[in-house]
Amino acid sequence: MGDSKILTKVTKNGVFVVNQKGARIEKLILDSQLLLTKITRSDGKVGSSHPCVPIFGPETLTSFGLNQHGDARNQLWKILPKENSGIVLSYEVQDEGYPRGLSTTQRFTIADGVFELITECVNNGEESLPVNFGEHFYWDALDEGWDKLTINGLPMADEVKKTGVIKLKTRNIIDFHHKNKKPIVLEQQGLDWAVLWFEKDNEIVSLKSWVCIEPVEGNPKEDFFGSEKSMIFPGQSRETEVKISLLKS
């Protein structure tokens, strides 16, 4: 499929880096603060923020035998013409066992200190397709770890340890309570849940330099994927949006 390109967008008060392979966000910096990052796990595997489509997983209804998070995160996406000086990538889902017809487009932009990711899933096929889209964000927690992490004022360390699922608001405040880091604002449309995760075998505080906070359409621990609400009908589409910024003091 050819070599993947590393795409970078730089503005006055922010920068992000996207890998064409997997539409992976390898870095997001706002006002000199690192937010999203590329990490190396304790088992040597490299991780970076990526789309989970058509399935988040694990799901409790039919899953067509799909791998957790889907295969799009490991495939080469097509680079489309830029819109508003951003980056646009698209991918035709071809996971084995899943009906053909689902096209996913991601639009990455940054302006005035706000990073925006818009994801559109379009059904170009002939049958209804279940989709539970999520974005698997790897957040930097390098200075002091994530033990003091709060979301909307509530402590989240226990949720991280048990791979918890929480309900998101339209506007959410993520705070690691680090002396050198500002709280983060995460705004979302269509991604009402978040999965919190960290390596189960990594209990060494000094290695807790990252944490996953993953906005997703439907609760993957319930019967969303395959439900009527998850379906995109032929000729129809569904769009989600994430905006990330720093809380203004």
C-alpha atoms as a PDB file:
ATOM      1  CA  MET A   1       0.000   0.000   0.000  1.00  0.00           C
ATOM      2  CA  GLY A   2       3.021   2.264  -0.029  1.00  0.00           C
ATOM      3  CA  ASP A   3       4.736   4.260   2.677  1.00  0.00           C
ATOM      4  CA  SER A   4       2.663   6.351   5.036  1.00  0.00           C
ATOM      5  CA  LYS A   5       3.133  10.098   5.297  1.00  0.00           C
ATOM      6  CA  ILE A   6       3.534  12.026   8.535  1.00  0.00           C
ATOM      7  CA  LEU A   7       1.301  15.086   8.318  1.00  0.00           C
ATOM      8  CA  THR A   8       1.959  18.123  10.494  1.00  0.00           C
ATOM      9  CA  LYS A   9      -0.038  21.272  11.098  1.00  0.00           C
ATOM     10  CA  VAL A  10       1.586  24.193  12.933  1.00  0.00           C
ATOM     11  CA  THR A  11      -0.125  27.385  14.099  1.00  0.00           C
ATOM     12  CA  LYS A  12       0.822  30.257  16.374  1.00  0.00           C
ATOM     13  CA  ASN A  13      -0.329  28.476  19.530  1.00  0.00           C
ATOM     14  CA  GLY A  14      -0.537  24.815  18.612  1.00  0.00           C
ATOM     15  CA  VAL A  15       0.718  21.873  16.596  1.00  0.00           C
ATOM     16  CA  PHE A  16      -0.530  18.393  15.790  1.00  0.00           C
ATOM     17  CA  VAL A  17       0.996  15.464  13.951  1.00  0.00           C
ATOM     18  CA  VAL A  18      -1.062  12.780  12.170  1.00  0.00           C
ATOM     19  CA  ASN A  19       0.230   9.544  10.658  1.00  0.00           C
ATOM     20  CA  GLN A  20      -1.530   8.606   7.430  1.00  0.00           C
ATOM     21  CA  LYS A  21      -1.324   4.960   8.485  1.00  0.00           C
ATOM     22  CA  GLY A  22      -4.237   4.459  10.827  1.00  0.00           C
ATOM     23  CA  ALA A  23      -5.133   8.182  10.946  1.00  0.00           C
ATOM     24  CA  ARG A  24      -3.120   8.203  14.149  1.00  0.00           C
ATOM     25  CA  ILE A  25      -2.606  11.424  16.084  1.00  0.00           C
ATOM     26  CA  GLU A  26       0.991  11.151  17.255  1.00  0.00           C
ATOM     27  CA  LYS A  27       1.198  14.529  18.960  1.00  0.00           C
ATOM     28  CA  LEU A  28      -0.996  17.440  20.028  1.00  0.00           C
ATOM     29  CA  ILE A  29       0.494  20.518  21.670  1.00  0.00           C
ATOM     30  CA  LEU A  30      -1.484  23.605  22.667  1.00  0.00           C
ATOM     31  CA  ASP A  31       0.236  26.680  24.079  1.00  0.00           C
ATOM     32  CA  SER A  32       3.432  24.642  24.668  1.00  0.00           C
ATOM     33  CA  GLN A  33       1.538  21.996  26.684  1.00  0.00           C
ATOM     34  CA  LEU A  34       1.695  18.403  25.431  1.00  0.00           C
ATOM     35  CA  LEU A  35      -1.777  16.838  25.479  1.00  0.00           C
ATOM     36  CA  LEU A  36      -1.836  13.802  23.179  1.00  0.00           C
ATOM     37  CA  THR A  37       1.293  11.737  22.736  1.00  0.00           C
ATOM     38  CA  LYS A  38       2.865   8.667  21.175  1.00  0.00           C
ATOM     39  CA  ILE A  39       3.819   6.167  23.873  1.00  0.00           C
ATOM     40  CA  THR A  40       5.747   2.950  24.375  1.00  0.00           C
ATOM     41  CA  ARG A  41       4.021   0.473  26.660  1.00  0.00           C
ATOM     42  CA  SER A  42       5.801  -1.684  29.203  1.00  0.00           C
ATOM     43  CA  ASP A  43       5.494  -4.642  26.803  1.00  0.00           C
ATOM     44  CA  GLY A  44       7.307  -2.683  24.097  1.00  0.00           C
ATOM     45  CA  LYS A  45       4.250  -1.971  21.948  1.00  0.00           C
ATOM     46  CA  VAL A  46       3.910   1.560  20.576  1.00  0.00           C
ATOM     47  CA  GLY A  47       0.565   3.331  20.948  1.00  0.00           C
ATOM     48  CA  SER A  48      -0.910   6.565  19.594  1.00  0.00           C
ATOM     49  CA  SER A  49      -4.374   8.094  19.380  1.00  0.00           C
ATOM     50  CA  HIS A  50      -6.457   6.416  16.696  1.00  0.00           C
ATOM     51  CA  PRO A  51     -10.023   5.963  15.401  1.00  0.00           C
ATOM     52  CA  CYS A  52     -12.004   2.877  16.383  1.00  0.00           C
ATOM     53  CA  VAL A  53     -14.311   2.040  13.468  1.00  0.00           C
ATOM     54  CA  PRO A  54     -16.692   0.394  12.771  1.00  0.00           C
ATOM     55  CA  ILE A  55     -16.553  -1.118  16.259  1.00  0.00           C
ATOM     56  CA  PHE A  56     -15.122  -0.009  19.555  1.00  0.00           C
ATOM     57  CA  GLY A  57     -15.372  -3.284  21.411  1.00  0.00           C
ATOM     58  CA  PRO A  58     -15.696  -5.489  23.183  1.00  0.00           C
ATOM     59  CA  GLU A  59     -19.411  -5.505  22.367  1.00  0.00           C
ATOM     60  CA  THR A  60     -22.159  -7.773  23.663  1.00  0.00           C
ATOM     61  CA  LEU A  61     -24.329  -8.051  20.551  1.00  0.00           C
ATOM     62  CA  THR A  62     -23.283  -9.447  17.178  1.00  0.00           C
ATOM     63  CA  SER A  63     -19.875  -8.147  16.129  1.00  0.00           C
ATOM     64  CA  PHE A  64     -19.365  -9.915  12.765  1.00  0.00           C
ATOM     65  CA  GLY A  65     -16.193 -11.385  14.237  1.00  0.00           C
ATOM     66  CA  LEU A  66     -14.522  -7.959  14.110  1.00  0.00           C
ATOM     67  CA  ASN A  67     -11.309  -7.277  15.974  1.00  0.00           C
ATOM     68  CA  GLN A  68     -11.602  -4.911  18.913  1.00  0.00           C
ATOM     69  CA  HIS A  69     -11.363  -1.291  17.698  1.00  0.00           C
ATOM     70  CA  GLY A  70     -11.546  -2.440  14.048  1.00  0.00           C
ATOM     71  CA  ASP A  71      -8.723  -2.602  11.512  1.00  0.00           C
ATOM     72  CA  ALA A  72      -8.857   0.993  10.218  1.00  0.00           C
ATOM     73  CA  ARG A  73      -6.288   2.041  12.832  1.00  0.00           C
ATOM     74  CA  ASN A  74      -3.691  -0.123  11.090  1.00  0.00           C
ATOM     75  CA  GLN A  75      -4.495   0.725   7.453  1.00  0.00           C
ATOM     76  CA  LEU A  76      -3.312   3.434   5.071  1.00  0.00           C
ATOM     77  CA  TRP A  77      -5.908   6.197   4.783  1.00  0.00           C
ATOM     78  CA  LYS A  78      -6.408   8.315   1.685  1.00  0.00           C
ATOM     79  CA  ILE A  79      -5.306  11.947   1.902  1.00  0.00           C
ATOM     80  CA  LEU A  80      -8.021  14.289   0.615  1.00  0.00           C
ATOM     81  CA  PRO A  81      -7.668  17.959  -0.395  1.00  0.00           C
ATOM     82  CA  LYS A  82      -7.226  20.232   2.600  1.00  0.00           C
ATOM     83  CA  GLU A  83     -10.203  22.054   4.044  1.00  0.00           C
ATOM     84  CA  ASN A  84      -9.675  25.247   6.060  1.00  0.00           C
ATOM     85  CA  SER A  85      -5.928  24.566   6.108  1.00  0.00           C
ATOM     86  CA  GLY A  86      -6.492  21.334   8.020  1.00  0.00           C
ATOM     87  CA  ILE A  87      -5.854  17.671   7.252  1.00  0.00           C
ATOM     88  CA  VAL A  88      -8.509  15.370   5.774  1.00  0.00           C
ATOM     89  CA  LEU A  89      -8.219  11.573   5.649  1.00  0.00           C
ATOM     90  CA  SER A  90     -10.672   8.924   4.461  1.00  0.00           C
ATOM     91  CA  TYR A  91     -10.927   5.144   4.574  1.00  0.00           C
ATOM     92  CA  GLU A  92     -13.232   2.515   3.103  1.00  0.00           C
ATOM     93  CA  VAL A  93     -13.843  -0.050   5.843  1.00  0.00           C
ATOM     94  CA  GLN A  94     -12.886  -3.514   4.635  1.00  0.00           C
ATOM     95  CA  ASP A  95     -12.803  -5.570   7.837  1.00  0.00           C
ATOM     96  CA  GLU A  96     -13.324  -9.269   7.146  1.00  0.00           C
ATOM     97  CA  GLY A  97     -16.899 -10.336   7.886  1.00  0.00           C
ATOM     98  CA  TYR A  98     -18.311  -6.788   7.890  1.00  0.00           C
ATOM     99  CA  PRO A  99     -20.628  -5.798   4.999  1.00  0.00           C
ATOM    100  CA  ARG A 100     -19.055  -3.452   2.461  1.00  0.00           C
ATOM    101  CA  GLY A 101     -20.106   0.148   2.055  1.00  0.00           C
ATOM    102  CA  LEU A 102     -18.902   2.096   5.098  1.00  0.00           C
ATOM    103  CA  SER A 103     -16.705   5.109   4.369  1.00  0.00           C
ATOM    104  CA  THR A 104     -15.089   7.104   7.184  1.00  0.00           C
ATOM    105  CA  THR A 105     -13.678  10.617   6.835  1.00  0.00           C
ATOM    106  CA  GLN A 106     -11.742  12.483   9.522  1.00  0.00           C
ATOM    107  CA  ARG A 107     -11.090  16.224   9.415  1.00  0.00           C
ATOM    108  CA  PHE A 108      -8.352  17.593  11.683  1.00  0.00           C
ATOM    109  CA  THR A 109      -8.017  21.340  12.237  1.00  0.00           C
ATOM    110  CA  ILE A 110      -6.419  23.673  14.749  1.00  0.00           C
ATOM    111  CA  ALA A 111      -7.168  27.355  15.190  1.00  0.00           C
ATOM    112  CA  ASP A 112      -7.074  29.892  18.024  1.00  0.00           C
ATOM    113  CA  GLY A 113      -5.828  27.292  20.494  1.00  0.00           C
ATOM    114  CA  VAL A 114      -8.583  24.777  19.705  1.00  0.00           C
ATOM    115  CA  PHE A 115      -7.973  21.373  18.122  1.00  0.00           C
ATOM    116  CA  GLU A 116     -11.014  19.970  16.332  1.00  0.00           C
ATOM    117  CA  LEU A 117     -11.648  16.464  15.012  1.00  0.00           C
ATOM    118  CA  ILE A 118     -14.786  15.804  12.976  1.00  0.00           C
ATOM    119  CA  THR A 119     -15.516  12.206  11.968  1.00  0.00           C
ATOM    120  CA  GLU A 120     -18.171  11.277   9.426  1.00  0.00           C
ATOM    121  CA  CYS A 121     -19.289   7.723   8.739  1.00  0.00           C
ATOM    122  CA  VAL A 122     -21.239   7.283   5.485  1.00  0.00           C
ATOM    123  CA  ASN A 123     -23.102   4.151   4.393  1.00  0.00           C
ATOM    124  CA  ASN A 124     -22.624   3.786   0.643  1.00  0.00           C
ATOM    125  CA  GLY A 125     -23.772   0.170   0.699  1.00  0.00           C
ATOM    126  CA  GLU A 126     -27.082  -1.598   0.256  1.00  0.00           C
ATOM    127  CA  GLU A 127     -27.800  -2.719   3.817  1.00  0.00           C
ATOM    128  CA  SER A 128     -27.913  -1.039   7.210  1.00  0.00           C
ATOM    129  CA  LEU A 129     -24.559  -1.057   9.006  1.00  0.00           C
ATOM    130  CA  PRO A 130     -23.914  -0.988  12.771  1.00  0.00           C
ATOM    131  CA  VAL A 131     -21.266   1.502  13.878  1.00  0.00           C
ATOM    132  CA  ASN A 132     -19.926   2.361  17.313  1.00  0.00           C
ATOM    133  CA  PHE A 133     -17.235   4.910  16.560  1.00  0.00           C
ATOM    134  CA  GLY A 134     -14.736   5.981  19.192  1.00  0.00           C
ATOM    135  CA  GLU A 135     -11.452   7.854  19.325  1.00  0.00           C
ATOM    136  CA  HIS A 136      -8.746   6.123  21.359  1.00  0.00           C
ATOM    137  CA  PHE A 137      -6.902   9.123  22.828  1.00  0.00           C
ATOM    138  CA  TYR A 138      -3.537   8.659  24.558  1.00  0.00           C
ATOM    139  CA  TRP A 139      -3.137  11.585  26.968  1.00  0.00           C
ATOM    140  CA  ASP A 140       0.214  12.722  28.307  1.00  0.00           C
ATOM    141  CA  ALA A 141       0.573  12.512  32.086  1.00  0.00           C
ATOM    142  CA  LEU A 142       4.362  12.577  32.236  1.00  0.00           C
ATOM    143  CA  ASP A 143       5.079  15.018  35.061  1.00  0.00           C
ATOM    144  CA  GLU A 144       3.230  13.360  37.935  1.00  0.00           C
ATOM    145  CA  GLY A 145       1.151  10.504  36.521  1.00  0.00           C
ATOM    146  CA  TRP A 146      -2.643  10.196  36.527  1.00  0.00           C
ATOM    147  CA  ASP A 147      -3.344   9.268  40.156  1.00  0.00           C
ATOM    148  CA  LYS A 148      -4.966  12.664  40.807  1.00  0.00           C
ATOM    149  CA  LEU A 149      -6.909  12.726  37.506  1.00  0.00           C
ATOM    150  CA  THR A 150     -10.386  14.220  37.699  1.00  0.00           C
ATOM    151  CA  ILE A 151     -13.045  14.638  35.035  1.00  0.00           C
ATOM    152  CA  ASN A 152     -15.683  17.250  35.780  1.00  0.00           C
ATOM    153  CA  GLY A 153     -14.413  17.375  39.353  1.00  0.00           C
ATOM    154  CA  LEU A 154     -14.778  13.655  40.036  1.00  0.00           C
ATOM    155  CA  PRO A 155     -11.743  11.429  40.805  1.00  0.00           C
ATOM    156  CA  MET A 156     -11.017   8.956  38.021  1.00  0.00           C
ATOM    157  CA  ALA A 157      -8.020   6.851  39.148  1.00  0.00           C
ATOM    158  CA  ASP A 158     -10.209   3.916  40.191  1.00  0.00           C
ATOM    159  CA  GLU A 159     -12.113   4.070  36.897  1.00  0.00           C
ATOM    160  CA  VAL A 160      -8.822   3.957  34.997  1.00  0.00           C
ATOM    161  CA  LYS A 161      -7.631   0.922  36.950  1.00  0.00           C
ATOM    162  CA  LYS A 162     -10.794  -1.073  36.182  1.00  0.00           C
ATOM    163  CA  THR A 163     -11.223   0.118  32.560  1.00  0.00           C
ATOM    164  CA  GLY A 164     -14.301   2.065  33.579  1.00  0.00           C
ATOM    165  CA  VAL A 165     -16.931   3.670  31.362  1.00  0.00           C
ATOM    166  CA  ILE A 166     -18.253   7.121  32.244  1.00  0.00           C
ATOM    167  CA  LYS A 167     -20.907   9.429  30.810  1.00  0.00           C
ATOM    168  CA  LEU A 168     -19.536  12.573  29.224  1.00  0.00           C
ATOM    169  CA  LYS A 169     -21.078  16.011  29.227  1.00  0.00           C
ATOM    170  CA  THR A 170     -21.112  18.247  26.172  1.00  0.00           C
ATOM    171  CA  ARG A 171     -18.256  20.184  27.804  1.00  0.00           C
ATOM    172  CA  ASN A 172     -15.854  18.329  30.093  1.00  0.00           C
ATOM    173  CA  ILE A 173     -12.913  19.428  32.237  1.00  0.00           C
ATOM    174  CA  ILE A 174      -9.985  16.988  32.397  1.00  0.00           C
ATOM    175  CA  ASP A 175      -7.524  17.877  35.153  1.00  0.00           C
ATOM    176  CA  PHE A 176      -4.382  15.936  36.082  1.00  0.00           C
ATOM    177  CA  HIS A 177      -3.732  18.415  38.907  1.00  0.00           C
ATOM    178  CA  HIS A 178      -0.132  18.922  37.815  1.00  0.00           C
ATOM    179  CA  LYS A 179       1.551  22.112  38.918  1.00  0.00           C
ATOM    180  CA  ASN A 180       2.842  22.829  35.409  1.00  0.00           C
ATOM    181  CA  LYS A 181      -0.243  21.813  33.410  1.00  0.00           C
ATOM    182  CA  LYS A 182      -3.471  23.631  32.810  1.00  0.00           C
ATOM    183  CA  PRO A 183      -6.786  21.745  32.937  1.00  0.00           C
ATOM    184  CA  ILE A 184      -8.039  20.525  29.559  1.00  0.00           C
ATOM    185  CA  VAL A 185     -11.434  21.235  28.017  1.00  0.00           C
ATOM    186  CA  LEU A 186     -12.925  18.406  25.952  1.00  0.00           C
ATOM    187  CA  GLU A 187     -16.111  19.265  24.104  1.00  0.00           C
ATOM    188  CA  GLN A 188     -18.027  16.577  22.241  1.00  0.00           C
ATOM    189  CA  GLN A 189     -21.022  16.038  20.033  1.00  0.00           C
ATOM    190  CA  GLY A 190     -22.269  12.491  19.478  1.00  0.00           C
ATOM    191  CA  LEU A 191     -19.672  10.870  21.741  1.00  0.00           C
ATOM    192  CA  ASP A 192     -21.569  10.649  25.002  1.00  0.00           C
ATOM    193  CA  TRP A 193     -19.408   7.997  26.706  1.00  0.00           C
ATOM    194  CA  ALA A 194     -15.736   7.590  27.531  1.00  0.00           C
ATOM    195  CA  VAL A 195     -13.668   4.520  28.335  1.00  0.00           C
ATOM    196  CA  LEU A 196     -10.756   5.022  30.729  1.00  0.00           C
ATOM    197  CA  TRP A 197      -7.825   2.628  30.395  1.00  0.00           C
ATOM    198  CA  PHE A 198      -4.240   1.883  31.315  1.00  0.00           C
ATOM    199  CA  GLU A 199      -2.082  -1.230  31.138  1.00  0.00           C
ATOM    200  CA  LYS A 200      -3.271  -3.714  33.710  1.00  0.00           C
ATOM    201  CA  ASP A 201       0.242  -5.051  34.321  1.00  0.00           C
ATOM    202  CA  ASN A 202       1.765  -1.620  34.784  1.00  0.00           C
ATOM    203  CA  GLU A 203       1.366  -0.611  38.416  1.00  0.00           C
ATOM    204  CA  ILE A 204       4.668   1.228  38.704  1.00  0.00           C
ATOM    205  CA  VAL A 205       3.841   4.859  39.454  1.00  0.00           C
ATOM    206  CA  SER A 206       6.936   6.105  37.624  1.00  0.00           C
ATOM    207  CA  LEU A 207       5.632   4.481  34.422  1.00  0.00           C
ATOM    208  CA  LYS A 208       2.181   6.059  34.600  1.00  0.00           C
ATOM    209  CA  SER A 209       3.219   8.680  32.077  1.00  0.00           C
ATOM    210  CA  TRP A 210       0.068   8.343  29.964  1.00  0.00           C
ATOM    211  CA  VAL A 211      -3.581   7.384  30.242  1.00  0.00           C
ATOM    212  CA  CYS A 212      -6.349   6.654  27.747  1.00  0.00           C
ATOM    213  CA  ILE A 213      -9.565   8.674  27.871  1.00  0.00           C
ATOM    214  CA  GLU A 214     -11.556   7.468  24.875  1.00  0.00           C
ATOM    215  CA  PRO A 215     -14.776   9.217  23.746  1.00  0.00           C
ATOM    216  CA  VAL A 216     -17.177   6.777  22.087  1.00  0.00           C
ATOM    217  CA  GLU A 217     -20.711   6.884  20.675  1.00  0.00           C
ATOM    218  CA  GLY A 218     -22.271   4.080  22.708  1.00  0.00           C
ATOM    219  CA  ASN A 219     -21.295   2.272  25.898  1.00  0.00           C
ATOM    220  CA  PRO A 220     -19.263  -0.713  24.603  1.00  0.00           C
ATOM    221  CA  LYS A 221     -20.123  -2.702  27.733  1.00  0.00           C
ATOM    222  CA  GLU A 222     -23.805  -2.568  26.823  1.00  0.00           C
ATOM    223  CA  ASP A 223     -25.845  -3.562  23.772  1.00  0.00           C
ATOM    224  CA  PHE A 224     -25.138  -0.579  21.508  1.00  0.00           C
ATOM    225  CA  PHE A 225     -23.324  -2.105  18.525  1.00  0.00           C
ATOM    226  CA  GLY A 226     -25.960  -3.939  16.517  1.00  0.00           C
ATOM    227  CA  SER A 227     -28.837  -2.044  18.124  1.00  0.00           C
ATOM    228  CA  GLU A 228     -31.179   0.108  16.049  1.00  0.00           C
ATOM    229  CA  LYS A 229     -29.533   3.248  17.409  1.00  0.00           C
ATOM    230  CA  SER A 230     -26.137   2.106  16.119  1.00  0.00           C
ATOM    231  CA  MET A 231     -27.354   1.575  12.569  1.00  0.00           C
ATOM    232  CA  ILE A 232     -26.490   3.827   9.644  1.00  0.00           C
ATOM    233  CA  PHE A 233     -28.998   3.199   6.868  1.00  0.00           C
ATOM    234  CA  PRO A 234     -28.059   3.011   3.168  1.00  0.00           C
ATOM    235  CA  GLY A 235     -27.363   6.497   1.824  1.00  0.00           C
ATOM    236  CA  GLN A 236     -27.244   7.983   5.332  1.00  0.00           C
ATOM    237  CA  SER A 237     -24.372   9.262   7.460  1.00  0.00           C
ATOM    238  CA  ARG A 238     -23.511  10.082  11.064  1.00  0.00           C
ATOM    239  CA  GLU A 239     -21.070  12.706  12.311  1.00  0.00           C
ATOM    240  CA  THR A 240     -19.256  13.201  15.612  1.00  0.00           C
ATOM    241  CA  GLU A 241     -17.106  16.055  16.831  1.00  0.00           C
ATOM    242  CA  VAL A 242     -14.384  16.553  19.427  1.00  0.00           C
ATOM    243  CA  LYS A 243     -12.828  19.860  20.398  1.00  0.00           C
ATOM    244  CA  ILE A 244      -9.810  20.041  22.695  1.00  0.00           C
ATOM    245  CA  SER A 245      -8.465  23.219  24.289  1.00  0.00           C
ATOM    246  CA  LEU A 246      -6.907  24.452  27.521  1.00  0.00           C
ATOM    247  CA  LEU A 247      -9.047  25.941  30.263  1.00  0.00           C
ATOM    248  CA  LYS A 248      -8.652  29.682  30.319  1.00  0.00           C
ATOM    249  CA  SER A 249      -7.758  31.090  33.713  1.00  0.00           C
END
